[in-house]
Each structure stands twice: as structure tokens, then as C-alpha cells.
Amino acid sequence: MKTVSIELKKLRTMAERSLNKTAELQQVLAQIEANLSIVEYHKVKEKTNKL
């Protein structure tokens, strides 16, 4: 799961550098960030529940 997050972050950076920041791109980047936030939230929640 950690490698997926790292790869998504790398892809996001590459997209920002290579594409014009159109409204569609902004929406895709926001969706990626939201997905990363959800993944991180679930990781924290799982760790908290284990304590």
C-alpha cells in the first residue's frame, strides 16, 4: 500500500510538470489527493484501533 501512495505522488508530480493546468487536470489531481487522504486516514484508524 505504501508503494502505491509513493507511485501516485510521483505520477501527480509528473503530471503537474508536463501538462497544462486545465480544469480537468485540477479535478484529477484533487481526486488523487482525496484518495491518498482516505488511504492515510484508514491507516491511522487501523493503528489506533490496534492500541
C-alpha atoms as a PDB file:
ATOM      1  CA  MET A   1       0.000   0.000   0.000  1.00  0.00           C
ATOM      2  CA  LYS A   2       2.863   2.358   0.814  1.00  0.00           C
ATOM      3  CA  THR A   3       4.401   1.903  -2.630  1.00  0.00           C
ATOM      4  CA  VAL A   4       1.053   2.727  -4.263  1.00  0.00           C
ATOM      5  CA  SER A   5       0.945   6.050  -2.411  1.00  0.00           C
ATOM      6  CA  ILE A   6       4.509   6.838  -3.414  1.00  0.00           C
ATOM      7  CA  GLU A   7       3.819   5.995  -7.059  1.00  0.00           C
ATOM      8  CA  LEU A   8       0.660   8.132  -7.093  1.00  0.00           C
ATOM      9  CA  LYS A   9       2.610  11.050  -5.664  1.00  0.00           C
ATOM     10  CA  LYS A  10       5.294  10.620  -8.332  1.00  0.00           C
ATOM     11  CA  LEU A  11       2.670  10.483 -11.077  1.00  0.00           C
ATOM     12  CA  ARG A  12       0.996  13.594  -9.701  1.00  0.00           C
ATOM     13  CA  THR A  13       4.304  15.460  -9.781  1.00  0.00           C
ATOM     14  CA  MET A  14       4.990  14.320 -13.329  1.00  0.00           C
ATOM     15  CA  ALA A  15       1.514  15.364 -14.448  1.00  0.00           C
ATOM     16  CA  GLU A  16       1.927  18.806 -12.924  1.00  0.00           C
ATOM     17  CA  ARG A  17       5.208  19.315 -14.726  1.00  0.00           C
ATOM     18  CA  SER A  18       4.190  18.018 -18.135  1.00  0.00           C
ATOM     19  CA  LEU A  19       0.575  19.132 -18.591  1.00  0.00           C
ATOM     20  CA  ASN A  20      -1.157  22.463 -18.670  1.00  0.00           C
ATOM     21  CA  LYS A  21      -3.197  23.014 -15.544  1.00  0.00           C
ATOM     22  CA  THR A  22      -6.635  22.822 -17.045  1.00  0.00           C
ATOM     23  CA  ALA A  23      -9.814  22.442 -15.019  1.00  0.00           C
ATOM     24  CA  GLU A  24      -9.916  18.730 -15.843  1.00  0.00           C
ATOM     25  CA  LEU A  25      -6.341  18.228 -14.649  1.00  0.00           C
ATOM     26  CA  GLN A  26      -7.105  20.106 -11.446  1.00  0.00           C
ATOM     27  CA  GLN A  27     -10.071  17.800 -10.864  1.00  0.00           C
ATOM     28  CA  VAL A  28      -7.982  14.666 -11.429  1.00  0.00           C
ATOM     29  CA  LEU A  29      -5.263  15.934  -9.101  1.00  0.00           C
ATOM     30  CA  ALA A  30      -7.872  16.704  -6.441  1.00  0.00           C
ATOM     31  CA  GLN A  31      -9.262  13.180  -6.761  1.00  0.00           C
ATOM     32  CA  ILE A  32      -5.775  11.704  -6.359  1.00  0.00           C
ATOM     33  CA  GLU A  33      -5.172  13.809  -3.263  1.00  0.00           C
ATOM     34  CA  ALA A  34      -8.543  12.786  -1.829  1.00  0.00           C
ATOM     35  CA  ASN A  35      -7.754   9.119  -2.402  1.00  0.00           C
ATOM     36  CA  LEU A  36      -4.372   9.489  -0.747  1.00  0.00           C
ATOM     37  CA  SER A  37      -6.001  11.198   2.228  1.00  0.00           C
ATOM     38  CA  ILE A  38      -8.538   8.392   2.568  1.00  0.00           C
ATOM     39  CA  VAL A  39      -5.771   5.770   2.482  1.00  0.00           C
ATOM     40  CA  GLU A  40      -3.801   7.632   5.138  1.00  0.00           C
ATOM     41  CA  TYR A  41      -6.928   8.044   7.292  1.00  0.00           C
ATOM     42  CA  HIS A  42      -7.610   4.306   7.172  1.00  0.00           C
ATOM     43  CA  LYS A  43      -4.007   3.507   8.086  1.00  0.00           C
ATOM     44  CA  VAL A  44      -4.182   5.781  11.131  1.00  0.00           C
ATOM     45  CA  LYS A  45      -7.574   4.392  12.123  1.00  0.00           C
ATOM     46  CA  GLU A  46      -6.310   0.803  11.899  1.00  0.00           C
ATOM     47  CA  LYS A  47      -3.272   1.616  14.028  1.00  0.00           C
ATOM     48  CA  THR A  48      -5.438   3.433  16.573  1.00  0.00           C
ATOM     49  CA  ASN A  49      -7.847   0.510  16.808  1.00  0.00           C
ATOM     50  CA  LYS A  50      -4.961  -1.912  17.431  1.00  0.00           C
ATOM     51  CA  LEU A  51      -3.873   0.040  20.512  1.00  0.00           C
END
